[in-house]
Amino acid sequence: MALIAAGATAPDFKLDTHKDEMVSLSDFRGSKNVLLVSYPLDFTPT
């Protein structure tokens, strides 16, 4: 998978929420700012 250049538009993707709902980046595009933060779970070897 190629890296995304700084300042480039993020590709659309889908994720599960904590309420077992699917949301995609395109659901928010043009209406809200989105901050995606990823970190390993506590007590995992990652």
N, C-alpha and C. Protein backbone atom coordinates (compact mmCIF):
# COMPACT_ATOMS: atom_id res chain seq x y z
N MET A 1 0.85 -1.17 0.00
CA MET A 1 0.00 0.00 0.00
C MET A 1 0.90 1.24 0.00
N ALA A 2 0.59 2.19 -0.83
CA ALA A 2 1.38 3.41 -0.92
C ALA A 2 1.03 4.36 0.22
N LEU A 3 2.03 5.13 0.64
CA LEU A 3 1.79 6.13 1.68
C LEU A 3 1.04 7.31 1.10
N ILE A 4 0.30 8.00 1.93
CA ILE A 4 -0.44 9.20 1.51
C ILE A 4 0.44 10.40 1.80
N ALA A 5 0.63 11.25 0.83
CA ALA A 5 1.46 12.44 0.99
C ALA A 5 0.78 13.44 1.92
N ALA A 6 1.61 14.16 2.67
CA ALA A 6 1.08 15.21 3.55
C ALA A 6 0.32 16.24 2.72
N GLY A 7 -0.87 16.59 3.19
CA GLY A 7 -1.70 17.57 2.49
C GLY A 7 -2.61 16.97 1.43
N ALA A 8 -2.46 15.68 1.14
CA ALA A 8 -3.30 15.01 0.15
C ALA A 8 -4.67 14.69 0.74
N THR A 9 -5.66 14.57 -0.11
CA THR A 9 -6.99 14.18 0.34
C THR A 9 -6.97 12.70 0.73
N ALA A 10 -7.51 12.40 1.89
CA ALA A 10 -7.53 11.01 2.36
C ALA A 10 -8.50 10.18 1.53
N PRO A 11 -8.16 8.93 1.26
CA PRO A 11 -9.09 8.07 0.54
C PRO A 11 -10.26 7.69 1.46
N ASP A 12 -11.37 7.36 0.85
CA ASP A 12 -12.54 6.96 1.64
C ASP A 12 -12.28 5.60 2.29
N PHE A 13 -12.76 5.41 3.50
CA PHE A 13 -12.64 4.14 4.20
C PHE A 13 -13.83 3.99 5.13
N LYS A 14 -14.08 2.76 5.57
CA LYS A 14 -15.17 2.48 6.49
C LYS A 14 -14.62 1.84 7.75
N LEU A 15 -15.25 2.16 8.89
CA LEU A 15 -14.88 1.61 10.18
C LEU A 15 -16.12 1.27 10.99
N ASP A 16 -15.99 0.30 11.88
CA ASP A 16 -17.05 -0.02 12.83
C ASP A 16 -16.96 0.94 14.01
N THR A 17 -18.10 1.38 14.52
CA THR A 17 -18.13 2.22 15.72
C THR A 17 -18.30 1.34 16.95
N HIS A 18 -18.21 1.95 18.11
CA HIS A 18 -18.44 1.21 19.36
C HIS A 18 -19.90 0.79 19.51
N LYS A 19 -20.77 1.32 18.65
CA LYS A 19 -22.19 0.94 18.66
C LYS A 19 -22.50 -0.07 17.55
N ASP A 20 -21.46 -0.71 17.01
CA ASP A 20 -21.60 -1.68 15.92
C ASP A 20 -22.29 -1.11 14.69
N GLU A 21 -22.00 0.14 14.39
CA GLU A 21 -22.49 0.79 13.18
C GLU A 21 -21.30 1.03 12.26
N MET A 22 -21.54 1.05 10.96
CA MET A 22 -20.48 1.35 10.00
C MET A 22 -20.55 2.84 9.64
N VAL A 23 -19.40 3.50 9.67
CA VAL A 23 -19.31 4.88 9.21
C VAL A 23 -18.16 4.96 8.21
N SER A 24 -18.27 5.89 7.29
CA SER A 24 -17.20 6.08 6.32
C SER A 24 -16.76 7.54 6.35
N LEU A 25 -15.56 7.77 5.89
CA LEU A 25 -15.05 9.13 5.84
C LEU A 25 -15.95 10.02 4.99
N SER A 26 -16.49 9.47 3.91
CA SER A 26 -17.36 10.26 3.04
C SER A 26 -18.65 10.71 3.73
N ASP A 27 -19.03 10.05 4.83
CA ASP A 27 -20.20 10.47 5.60
C ASP A 27 -19.99 11.87 6.19
N PHE A 28 -18.73 12.25 6.43
CA PHE A 28 -18.41 13.52 7.09
C PHE A 28 -17.79 14.55 6.15
N ARG A 29 -17.36 14.12 4.97
CA ARG A 29 -16.66 15.01 4.04
C ARG A 29 -17.52 16.22 3.70
N GLY A 30 -16.94 17.40 3.89
CA GLY A 30 -17.63 18.65 3.56
C GLY A 30 -18.51 19.19 4.66
N SER A 31 -18.72 18.41 5.74
CA SER A 31 -19.60 18.89 6.80
C SER A 31 -18.92 18.95 8.16
N LYS A 32 -17.90 18.14 8.37
CA LYS A 32 -17.22 18.10 9.67
C LYS A 32 -15.74 17.85 9.47
N ASN A 33 -14.95 18.29 10.45
CA ASN A 33 -13.53 17.93 10.47
C ASN A 33 -13.41 16.54 11.08
N VAL A 34 -12.47 15.76 10.58
CA VAL A 34 -12.27 14.40 11.07
C VAL A 34 -10.83 14.25 11.52
N LEU A 35 -10.64 13.71 12.72
CA LEU A 35 -9.32 13.40 13.25
C LEU A 35 -9.31 11.91 13.54
N LEU A 36 -8.43 11.19 12.88
CA LEU A 36 -8.34 9.75 13.09
C LEU A 36 -7.08 9.48 13.90
N VAL A 37 -7.26 8.86 15.05
CA VAL A 37 -6.15 8.54 15.94
C VAL A 37 -6.11 7.02 16.10
N SER A 38 -4.93 6.48 15.94
CA SER A 38 -4.78 5.03 16.06
C SER A 38 -3.68 4.75 17.08
N TYR A 39 -3.99 3.87 18.01
CA TYR A 39 -2.99 3.46 19.00
C TYR A 39 -3.27 2.02 19.40
N PRO A 40 -2.23 1.29 19.79
CA PRO A 40 -2.45 -0.10 20.18
C PRO A 40 -3.24 -0.18 21.49
N LEU A 41 -3.98 -1.23 21.63
CA LEU A 41 -4.72 -1.46 22.86
C LEU A 41 -3.78 -1.69 24.03
N ASP A 42 -4.21 -1.33 25.19
CA ASP A 42 -3.42 -1.62 26.39
C ASP A 42 -3.21 -3.12 26.53
N PHE A 43 -2.06 -3.48 27.04
CA PHE A 43 -1.72 -4.87 27.33
C PHE A 43 -1.62 -5.73 26.08
N THR A 44 -1.28 -5.13 24.94
CA THR A 44 -1.03 -5.92 23.73
C THR A 44 0.46 -5.83 23.40
N PRO A 45 1.00 -6.81 22.69
CA PRO A 45 2.43 -6.78 22.37
C PRO A 45 2.82 -5.78 21.29
N THR A 46 1.88 -5.08 20.70
CA THR A 46 2.18 -4.14 19.62
C THR A 46 2.77 -2.86 20.18
